[in-house]
N, C-alpha and C. Protein backbone atom coordinates (compact mmCIF):
# COMPACT_ATOMS: atom_id res chain seq x y z
N MET A 1 -25.32 -7.20 61.51
CA MET A 1 -25.62 -8.02 62.68
C MET A 1 -25.20 -9.45 62.35
N SER A 2 -24.52 -10.06 63.29
CA SER A 2 -24.04 -11.41 63.06
C SER A 2 -25.16 -12.44 63.22
N ARG A 3 -24.87 -13.64 62.76
CA ARG A 3 -25.87 -14.71 62.80
C ARG A 3 -26.27 -15.06 64.23
N TRP A 4 -25.30 -15.14 65.15
CA TRP A 4 -25.62 -15.50 66.53
C TRP A 4 -26.42 -14.40 67.22
N GLN A 5 -26.21 -13.13 66.84
CA GLN A 5 -27.00 -12.05 67.41
C GLN A 5 -28.46 -12.14 66.95
N ILE A 6 -28.66 -12.47 65.68
CA ILE A 6 -30.01 -12.64 65.15
C ILE A 6 -30.70 -13.82 65.84
N ILE A 7 -29.96 -14.90 66.04
CA ILE A 7 -30.51 -16.07 66.74
C ILE A 7 -30.90 -15.69 68.16
N TRP A 8 -30.03 -14.97 68.86
CA TRP A 8 -30.30 -14.57 70.24
C TRP A 8 -31.54 -13.68 70.31
N LEU A 9 -31.63 -12.67 69.45
CA LEU A 9 -32.79 -11.78 69.47
C LEU A 9 -34.07 -12.52 69.09
N SER A 10 -33.96 -13.48 68.18
CA SER A 10 -35.13 -14.30 67.82
C SER A 10 -35.58 -15.14 69.02
N LEU A 11 -34.63 -15.69 69.74
CA LEU A 11 -34.95 -16.46 70.95
C LEU A 11 -35.64 -15.58 71.99
N LEU A 12 -35.15 -14.35 72.16
CA LEU A 12 -35.79 -13.42 73.09
C LEU A 12 -37.23 -13.12 72.66
N ALA A 13 -37.44 -12.95 71.37
CA ALA A 13 -38.80 -12.68 70.86
C ALA A 13 -39.72 -13.87 71.12
N ILE A 14 -39.23 -15.08 70.92
CA ILE A 14 -40.03 -16.28 71.17
C ILE A 14 -40.39 -16.39 72.64
N ILE A 15 -39.42 -16.14 73.51
CA ILE A 15 -39.67 -16.18 74.96
C ILE A 15 -40.70 -15.13 75.34
N THR A 16 -40.55 -13.92 74.80
CA THR A 16 -41.47 -12.83 75.11
C THR A 16 -42.90 -13.17 74.72
N VAL A 17 -43.08 -13.66 73.51
CA VAL A 17 -44.42 -14.01 73.04
C VAL A 17 -44.98 -15.18 73.85
N GLY A 18 -44.15 -16.17 74.14
CA GLY A 18 -44.59 -17.33 74.92
C GLY A 18 -45.07 -16.95 76.30
N VAL A 19 -44.32 -16.11 76.99
CA VAL A 19 -44.71 -15.70 78.33
C VAL A 19 -45.97 -14.84 78.27
N PHE A 20 -46.06 -13.96 77.28
CA PHE A 20 -47.26 -13.11 77.16
C PHE A 20 -48.51 -13.96 76.96
N VAL A 21 -48.44 -14.94 76.09
CA VAL A 21 -49.58 -15.82 75.85
C VAL A 21 -49.94 -16.59 77.12
N TRP A 22 -48.93 -17.09 77.84
CA TRP A 22 -49.16 -17.81 79.08
C TRP A 22 -49.87 -16.93 80.11
N VAL A 23 -49.45 -15.66 80.22
CA VAL A 23 -50.07 -14.74 81.17
C VAL A 23 -51.51 -14.44 80.77
N VAL A 24 -51.74 -14.17 79.51
CA VAL A 24 -53.07 -13.79 79.05
C VAL A 24 -54.08 -14.93 79.18
N LEU A 25 -53.62 -16.18 79.13
CA LEU A 25 -54.54 -17.30 79.20
C LEU A 25 -54.98 -17.64 80.63
N GLY A 26 -54.51 -16.90 81.63
CA GLY A 26 -54.96 -17.11 83.00
C GLY A 26 -56.43 -16.72 83.15
N SER A 27 -57.09 -17.25 84.19
CA SER A 27 -58.51 -16.94 84.36
C SER A 27 -58.86 -16.80 85.84
N PHE A 28 -59.99 -16.15 86.09
CA PHE A 28 -60.52 -15.99 87.44
C PHE A 28 -61.51 -17.11 87.74
N ASN A 29 -61.56 -17.54 88.99
CA ASN A 29 -62.63 -18.41 89.46
C ASN A 29 -63.76 -17.53 89.98
N VAL A 30 -64.82 -18.13 90.41
CA VAL A 30 -65.96 -17.39 90.94
C VAL A 30 -65.63 -16.92 92.36
N CYS A 31 -65.99 -15.71 92.67
CA CYS A 31 -65.78 -15.15 94.00
C CYS A 31 -66.86 -15.67 94.94
N THR A 32 -66.43 -16.26 96.07
CA THR A 32 -67.41 -16.83 96.99
C THR A 32 -67.39 -16.18 98.36
N GLU A 33 -66.32 -15.45 98.69
CA GLU A 33 -66.20 -14.86 100.01
C GLU A 33 -66.01 -13.36 99.90
N GLY A 34 -66.20 -12.68 101.00
CA GLY A 34 -65.98 -11.24 101.04
C GLY A 34 -64.52 -10.91 101.32
N THR A 35 -64.25 -9.64 101.48
CA THR A 35 -62.89 -9.16 101.75
C THR A 35 -62.45 -9.60 103.14
N ASP A 36 -61.28 -10.20 103.21
CA ASP A 36 -60.74 -10.69 104.47
C ASP A 36 -59.40 -10.01 104.72
N GLU A 37 -59.06 -9.82 105.98
CA GLU A 37 -57.83 -9.11 106.36
C GLU A 37 -56.57 -9.81 105.84
N ILE A 38 -56.56 -11.13 105.83
CA ILE A 38 -55.37 -11.85 105.38
C ILE A 38 -55.07 -11.57 103.90
N TYR A 39 -56.11 -11.42 103.09
CA TYR A 39 -55.91 -11.12 101.67
C TYR A 39 -55.43 -9.69 101.49
N GLN A 40 -55.92 -8.79 102.32
CA GLN A 40 -55.45 -7.40 102.26
C GLN A 40 -53.96 -7.32 102.58
N LYS A 41 -53.53 -8.07 103.60
CA LYS A 41 -52.11 -8.07 103.98
C LYS A 41 -51.25 -8.72 102.89
N THR A 42 -51.76 -9.79 102.30
CA THR A 42 -51.03 -10.46 101.22
C THR A 42 -50.85 -9.53 100.04
N ILE A 43 -51.91 -8.89 99.63
CA ILE A 43 -51.83 -7.97 98.50
C ILE A 43 -50.91 -6.80 98.82
N ALA A 44 -50.97 -6.29 100.03
CA ALA A 44 -50.08 -5.19 100.41
C ALA A 44 -48.61 -5.60 100.35
N ALA A 45 -48.29 -6.81 100.81
CA ALA A 45 -46.91 -7.28 100.77
C ALA A 45 -46.44 -7.48 99.33
N LEU A 46 -47.26 -8.12 98.51
CA LEU A 46 -46.90 -8.32 97.11
C LEU A 46 -46.77 -6.99 96.37
N ASP A 47 -47.65 -6.06 96.69
CA ASP A 47 -47.61 -4.76 96.04
C ASP A 47 -46.34 -3.98 96.41
N ALA A 48 -45.87 -4.14 97.63
CA ALA A 48 -44.63 -3.47 98.04
C ALA A 48 -43.45 -4.01 97.23
N ILE A 49 -43.44 -5.32 96.99
CA ILE A 49 -42.39 -5.92 96.17
C ILE A 49 -42.46 -5.40 94.74
N VAL A 50 -43.66 -5.37 94.19
CA VAL A 50 -43.86 -4.87 92.83
C VAL A 50 -43.44 -3.41 92.74
N GLU A 51 -43.80 -2.61 93.71
CA GLU A 51 -43.46 -1.18 93.72
C GLU A 51 -41.95 -0.98 93.63
N LEU A 52 -41.20 -1.68 94.47
CA LEU A 52 -39.75 -1.55 94.48
C LEU A 52 -39.14 -2.03 93.17
N SER A 53 -39.56 -3.18 92.68
CA SER A 53 -38.95 -3.72 91.47
C SER A 53 -39.33 -2.90 90.23
N VAL A 54 -40.50 -2.30 90.21
CA VAL A 54 -40.86 -1.43 89.08
C VAL A 54 -39.98 -0.19 89.07
N LYS A 55 -39.74 0.38 90.24
CA LYS A 55 -38.85 1.55 90.32
C LYS A 55 -37.45 1.19 89.84
N LEU A 56 -36.94 0.06 90.30
CA LEU A 56 -35.61 -0.37 89.86
C LEU A 56 -35.59 -0.68 88.36
N SER A 57 -36.62 -1.35 87.88
CA SER A 57 -36.68 -1.70 86.46
C SER A 57 -36.68 -0.46 85.58
N THR A 58 -37.52 0.51 85.92
CA THR A 58 -37.59 1.70 85.08
C THR A 58 -36.28 2.51 85.14
N ALA A 59 -35.65 2.55 86.29
CA ALA A 59 -34.36 3.25 86.39
C ALA A 59 -33.30 2.55 85.55
N LEU A 60 -33.27 1.22 85.61
CA LEU A 60 -32.28 0.47 84.85
C LEU A 60 -32.58 0.48 83.35
N ILE A 61 -33.85 0.56 82.97
CA ILE A 61 -34.20 0.71 81.55
C ILE A 61 -33.65 2.05 81.05
N GLY A 62 -33.86 3.09 81.82
CA GLY A 62 -33.35 4.41 81.44
C GLY A 62 -31.84 4.44 81.33
N LEU A 63 -31.17 3.81 82.28
CA LEU A 63 -29.70 3.75 82.24
C LEU A 63 -29.23 2.98 81.02
N GLY A 64 -29.82 1.81 80.79
CA GLY A 64 -29.43 1.00 79.63
C GLY A 64 -29.68 1.71 78.33
N ALA A 65 -30.83 2.37 78.21
CA ALA A 65 -31.13 3.11 76.99
C ALA A 65 -30.17 4.27 76.79
N ALA A 66 -29.84 4.97 77.88
CA ALA A 66 -28.89 6.08 77.78
C ALA A 66 -27.52 5.59 77.31
N LEU A 67 -27.09 4.45 77.83
CA LEU A 67 -25.81 3.90 77.41
C LEU A 67 -25.85 3.48 75.94
N LEU A 68 -26.94 2.86 75.54
CA LEU A 68 -27.04 2.37 74.16
C LEU A 68 -27.12 3.48 73.13
N ILE A 69 -27.77 4.59 73.47
CA ILE A 69 -27.88 5.67 72.48
C ILE A 69 -26.72 6.65 72.60
N GLY A 70 -25.81 6.41 73.54
CA GLY A 70 -24.58 7.18 73.60
C GLY A 70 -24.65 8.45 74.41
N LEU A 71 -25.59 8.57 75.33
CA LEU A 71 -25.64 9.77 76.17
C LEU A 71 -24.46 9.83 77.14
N LYS A 72 -23.94 8.70 77.50
CA LYS A 72 -22.76 8.62 78.36
C LYS A 72 -21.56 8.38 77.45
N THR A 73 -20.68 9.37 77.34
CA THR A 73 -19.53 9.25 76.45
C THR A 73 -18.39 8.51 77.13
N GLY A 74 -17.49 8.03 76.33
CA GLY A 74 -16.32 7.35 76.86
C GLY A 74 -16.48 5.85 77.03
N LEU A 75 -17.65 5.33 76.78
CA LEU A 75 -17.88 3.90 76.89
C LEU A 75 -17.85 3.28 75.50
N ARG A 76 -17.17 2.15 75.39
CA ARG A 76 -17.15 1.41 74.13
C ARG A 76 -17.85 0.10 74.33
N PHE A 77 -18.78 -0.17 73.48
CA PHE A 77 -19.50 -1.43 73.51
C PHE A 77 -18.91 -2.38 72.49
N THR A 78 -18.68 -3.58 72.94
CA THR A 78 -18.37 -4.66 72.00
C THR A 78 -19.72 -5.22 71.56
N PRO A 79 -19.76 -6.01 70.51
CA PRO A 79 -21.05 -6.60 70.13
C PRO A 79 -21.67 -7.42 71.26
N VAL A 80 -20.84 -8.10 72.05
CA VAL A 80 -21.35 -8.92 73.16
C VAL A 80 -21.95 -8.04 74.25
N THR A 81 -21.25 -7.01 74.66
CA THR A 81 -21.77 -6.15 75.73
C THR A 81 -23.00 -5.37 75.27
N LYS A 82 -23.04 -5.00 74.00
CA LYS A 82 -24.23 -4.32 73.49
C LYS A 82 -25.44 -5.26 73.52
N LEU A 83 -25.24 -6.50 73.12
CA LEU A 83 -26.33 -7.48 73.11
C LEU A 83 -26.80 -7.79 74.53
N ILE A 84 -25.88 -7.90 75.47
CA ILE A 84 -26.26 -8.15 76.86
C ILE A 84 -27.03 -6.95 77.42
N THR A 85 -26.61 -5.75 77.09
CA THR A 85 -27.31 -4.55 77.57
C THR A 85 -28.72 -4.49 76.99
N ILE A 86 -28.85 -4.78 75.69
CA ILE A 86 -30.17 -4.81 75.06
C ILE A 86 -31.05 -5.87 75.74
N THR A 87 -30.48 -7.03 76.00
CA THR A 87 -31.22 -8.11 76.67
C THR A 87 -31.71 -7.66 78.04
N ALA A 88 -30.84 -7.05 78.83
CA ALA A 88 -31.22 -6.58 80.17
C ALA A 88 -32.34 -5.55 80.08
N VAL A 89 -32.23 -4.60 79.15
CA VAL A 89 -33.27 -3.58 79.00
C VAL A 89 -34.60 -4.23 78.62
N LEU A 90 -34.58 -5.19 77.70
CA LEU A 90 -35.81 -5.88 77.31
C LEU A 90 -36.41 -6.65 78.49
N PHE A 91 -35.57 -7.31 79.28
CA PHE A 91 -36.07 -8.05 80.44
C PHE A 91 -36.70 -7.10 81.46
N PHE A 92 -36.06 -5.97 81.73
CA PHE A 92 -36.61 -5.03 82.70
C PHE A 92 -37.90 -4.38 82.18
N ALA A 93 -37.97 -4.13 80.87
CA ALA A 93 -39.21 -3.57 80.31
C ALA A 93 -40.36 -4.57 80.44
N GLN A 94 -40.09 -5.84 80.19
CA GLN A 94 -41.13 -6.85 80.35
C GLN A 94 -41.52 -7.01 81.82
N SER A 95 -40.57 -6.90 82.70
CA SER A 95 -40.87 -6.96 84.13
C SER A 95 -41.84 -5.85 84.51
N ALA A 96 -41.58 -4.64 84.03
CA ALA A 96 -42.47 -3.51 84.32
C ALA A 96 -43.86 -3.73 83.71
N LEU A 97 -43.91 -4.26 82.50
CA LEU A 97 -45.20 -4.54 81.84
C LEU A 97 -46.04 -5.49 82.68
N TYR A 98 -45.45 -6.59 83.11
CA TYR A 98 -46.22 -7.57 83.88
C TYR A 98 -46.58 -7.07 85.27
N ALA A 99 -45.78 -6.17 85.82
CA ALA A 99 -46.14 -5.56 87.11
C ALA A 99 -47.39 -4.70 86.94
N VAL A 100 -47.45 -3.97 85.85
CA VAL A 100 -48.63 -3.15 85.58
C VAL A 100 -49.86 -4.04 85.39
N LEU A 101 -49.72 -5.14 84.64
CA LEU A 101 -50.84 -6.06 84.46
C LEU A 101 -51.29 -6.65 85.79
N TRP A 102 -50.34 -6.97 86.67
CA TRP A 102 -50.69 -7.50 87.98
C TRP A 102 -51.48 -6.46 88.78
N ARG A 103 -51.01 -5.22 88.74
CA ARG A 103 -51.70 -4.17 89.49
C ARG A 103 -53.10 -3.91 88.94
N LEU A 104 -53.27 -4.02 87.64
CA LEU A 104 -54.61 -3.88 87.06
C LEU A 104 -55.53 -4.99 87.57
N GLY A 105 -55.01 -6.20 87.68
CA GLY A 105 -55.79 -7.31 88.22
C GLY A 105 -56.16 -7.09 89.67
N VAL A 106 -55.23 -6.58 90.45
CA VAL A 106 -55.50 -6.29 91.86
C VAL A 106 -56.58 -5.21 91.98
N ALA A 107 -56.50 -4.21 91.11
CA ALA A 107 -57.53 -3.16 91.14
C ALA A 107 -58.91 -3.75 90.85
N GLU A 108 -58.96 -4.72 89.94
CA GLU A 108 -60.23 -5.38 89.65
C GLU A 108 -60.73 -6.16 90.86
N LEU A 109 -59.82 -6.79 91.59
CA LEU A 109 -60.22 -7.50 92.82
C LEU A 109 -60.82 -6.54 93.84
N TRP A 110 -60.17 -5.39 94.03
CA TRP A 110 -60.69 -4.41 94.98
C TRP A 110 -62.05 -3.90 94.53
N LEU A 111 -62.18 -3.64 93.23
CA LEU A 111 -63.44 -3.13 92.71
C LEU A 111 -64.58 -4.13 92.95
N ASN A 112 -64.29 -5.40 92.75
CA ASN A 112 -65.31 -6.45 92.91
C ASN A 112 -65.40 -6.97 94.34
N LYS A 113 -64.60 -6.43 95.24
CA LYS A 113 -64.59 -6.83 96.66
C LYS A 113 -64.41 -8.34 96.78
N CYS A 114 -63.39 -8.84 96.09
CA CYS A 114 -63.18 -10.29 96.01
C CYS A 114 -61.68 -10.59 96.10
N LEU A 115 -61.06 -10.20 97.20
CA LEU A 115 -59.61 -10.29 97.32
C LEU A 115 -59.08 -11.72 97.40
N GLU A 116 -59.92 -12.69 97.74
CA GLU A 116 -59.41 -14.07 97.84
C GLU A 116 -58.97 -14.63 96.50
N LEU A 117 -59.33 -13.98 95.41
CA LEU A 117 -58.91 -14.46 94.08
C LEU A 117 -57.49 -14.04 93.72
N VAL A 118 -56.78 -13.47 94.68
CA VAL A 118 -55.39 -13.06 94.43
C VAL A 118 -54.50 -14.25 94.08
N SER A 119 -54.90 -15.45 94.44
CA SER A 119 -54.09 -16.63 94.16
C SER A 119 -54.49 -17.33 92.86
N GLN A 120 -55.34 -16.71 92.05
CA GLN A 120 -55.78 -17.30 90.79
C GLN A 120 -54.76 -17.02 89.68
N ASP A 121 -54.80 -17.85 88.63
CA ASP A 121 -53.87 -17.73 87.51
C ASP A 121 -53.81 -16.33 86.92
N ILE A 122 -54.93 -15.67 86.85
CA ILE A 122 -54.99 -14.36 86.21
C ILE A 122 -54.11 -13.34 86.94
N LEU A 123 -53.81 -13.59 88.21
CA LEU A 123 -52.92 -12.71 88.96
C LEU A 123 -51.56 -13.35 89.28
N THR A 124 -51.52 -14.64 89.48
CA THR A 124 -50.22 -15.25 89.79
C THR A 124 -49.31 -15.27 88.57
N ARG A 125 -49.85 -15.46 87.39
CA ARG A 125 -49.02 -15.51 86.19
C ARG A 125 -48.33 -14.18 85.88
N PRO A 126 -49.04 -13.04 85.91
CA PRO A 126 -48.32 -11.78 85.69
C PRO A 126 -47.28 -11.51 86.77
N TYR A 127 -47.62 -11.88 88.01
CA TYR A 127 -46.66 -11.66 89.10
C TYR A 127 -45.40 -12.52 88.88
N GLN A 128 -45.59 -13.79 88.54
CA GLN A 128 -44.45 -14.67 88.29
C GLN A 128 -43.63 -14.20 87.10
N ALA A 129 -44.31 -13.75 86.04
CA ALA A 129 -43.60 -13.24 84.86
C ALA A 129 -42.82 -11.98 85.23
N HIS A 130 -43.44 -11.10 85.99
CA HIS A 130 -42.76 -9.88 86.44
C HIS A 130 -41.49 -10.22 87.23
N PHE A 131 -41.64 -11.08 88.20
CA PHE A 131 -40.51 -11.44 89.05
C PHE A 131 -39.43 -12.18 88.27
N GLY A 132 -39.84 -13.09 87.39
CA GLY A 132 -38.87 -13.83 86.58
C GLY A 132 -38.08 -12.94 85.64
N PHE A 133 -38.76 -12.03 84.96
CA PHE A 133 -38.04 -11.12 84.06
C PHE A 133 -37.16 -10.15 84.83
N PHE A 134 -37.59 -9.74 86.03
CA PHE A 134 -36.75 -8.88 86.85
C PHE A 134 -35.45 -9.61 87.22
N LEU A 135 -35.57 -10.86 87.66
CA LEU A 135 -34.37 -11.64 88.00
C LEU A 135 -33.50 -11.87 86.76
N ALA A 136 -34.11 -12.14 85.62
CA ALA A 136 -33.35 -12.35 84.38
C ALA A 136 -32.61 -11.07 84.00
N GLY A 137 -33.24 -9.92 84.19
CA GLY A 137 -32.56 -8.65 83.93
C GLY A 137 -31.37 -8.44 84.85
N LEU A 138 -31.54 -8.79 86.12
CA LEU A 138 -30.42 -8.68 87.06
C LEU A 138 -29.28 -9.62 86.68
N LEU A 139 -29.63 -10.84 86.25
CA LEU A 139 -28.59 -11.78 85.80
C LEU A 139 -27.86 -11.25 84.57
N ALA A 140 -28.59 -10.65 83.65
CA ALA A 140 -27.96 -10.07 82.46
C ALA A 140 -27.01 -8.93 82.86
N LEU A 141 -27.44 -8.10 83.80
CA LEU A 141 -26.54 -7.04 84.27
C LEU A 141 -25.33 -7.62 84.99
N GLY A 142 -25.55 -8.67 85.75
CA GLY A 142 -24.42 -9.33 86.41
C GLY A 142 -23.42 -9.87 85.40
N ALA A 143 -23.92 -10.47 84.33
CA ALA A 143 -23.03 -10.96 83.26
C ALA A 143 -22.28 -9.81 82.62
N LEU A 144 -22.94 -8.69 82.43
CA LEU A 144 -22.30 -7.51 81.86
C LEU A 144 -21.17 -7.00 82.76
N VAL A 145 -21.43 -6.98 84.06
CA VAL A 145 -20.41 -6.52 85.01
C VAL A 145 -19.22 -7.48 85.01
N VAL A 146 -19.47 -8.78 84.99
CA VAL A 146 -18.38 -9.76 84.97
C VAL A 146 -17.54 -9.59 83.70
N ILE A 147 -18.20 -9.45 82.57
CA ILE A 147 -17.46 -9.27 81.31
C ILE A 147 -16.65 -7.99 81.35
N ALA A 148 -17.23 -6.91 81.87
CA ALA A 148 -16.51 -5.64 81.96
C ALA A 148 -15.35 -5.73 82.96
N ALA A 149 -15.56 -6.43 84.07
CA ALA A 149 -14.54 -6.54 85.11
C ALA A 149 -13.33 -7.33 84.64
N PHE A 150 -13.57 -8.36 83.85
CA PHE A 150 -12.47 -9.18 83.36
C PHE A 150 -11.92 -8.70 82.03
N GLY A 151 -12.47 -7.60 81.53
CA GLY A 151 -11.93 -6.98 80.34
C GLY A 151 -11.91 -7.88 79.12
N VAL A 152 -13.01 -8.56 78.86
CA VAL A 152 -13.08 -9.40 77.66
C VAL A 152 -12.93 -8.50 76.45
N ARG A 153 -11.95 -8.82 75.62
CA ARG A 153 -11.64 -7.98 74.46
C ARG A 153 -11.97 -8.71 73.18
N GLU A 154 -12.21 -7.90 72.15
CA GLU A 154 -12.41 -8.49 70.83
C GLU A 154 -11.06 -8.92 70.29
N SER A 155 -11.06 -9.97 69.49
CA SER A 155 -9.80 -10.42 68.90
C SER A 155 -9.31 -9.37 67.92
N GLY A 156 -7.99 -9.31 67.79
CA GLY A 156 -7.39 -8.35 66.87
C GLY A 156 -7.31 -6.94 67.43
N SER A 157 -7.25 -6.81 68.76
CA SER A 157 -7.20 -5.48 69.37
C SER A 157 -5.82 -4.85 69.27
N GLY A 158 -4.83 -5.63 68.84
CA GLY A 158 -3.51 -5.09 68.64
C GLY A 158 -2.64 -5.14 69.88
N GLU A 159 -3.15 -5.64 70.98
CA GLU A 159 -2.36 -5.73 72.20
C GLU A 159 -1.61 -7.04 72.23
N SER A 160 -0.39 -7.00 72.67
CA SER A 160 0.39 -8.24 72.80
C SER A 160 0.89 -8.36 74.22
N THR A 161 1.14 -9.58 74.63
CA THR A 161 1.61 -9.82 76.00
C THR A 161 3.04 -10.24 76.02
């Protein structure tokens, strides 16, 4: 593994730990009101977004893992494309993790009949982390597609113009 790959993976680890700590440090305020229709609609809308992005994340994690372990033959990875694929898979996995944490928080709100706390840190942070990592995964896939489309080659490939 090259030095820049180790640096990149170390940076990803630092980002992962930083975001996890930020999410875990969120807290609930005291519940003062009962269940209101506007909070039910808000949670339903947010949950629909989470549902779709979790399905996409898990499908793309499976695809990325299949490509990386070689289940799809005929593909050659350069070190750059392999690193971008690993990055995308890690981003989508973290997106799914934070979606699950968000849903656990929502379940706690329903259990305690306190839906107005949906806007508290304990729920907004996992949702923001989920959405941010999902977008980062899409950007990583976009970079992979651009690199593949323009045929970025390793030096010394033996081709001359």
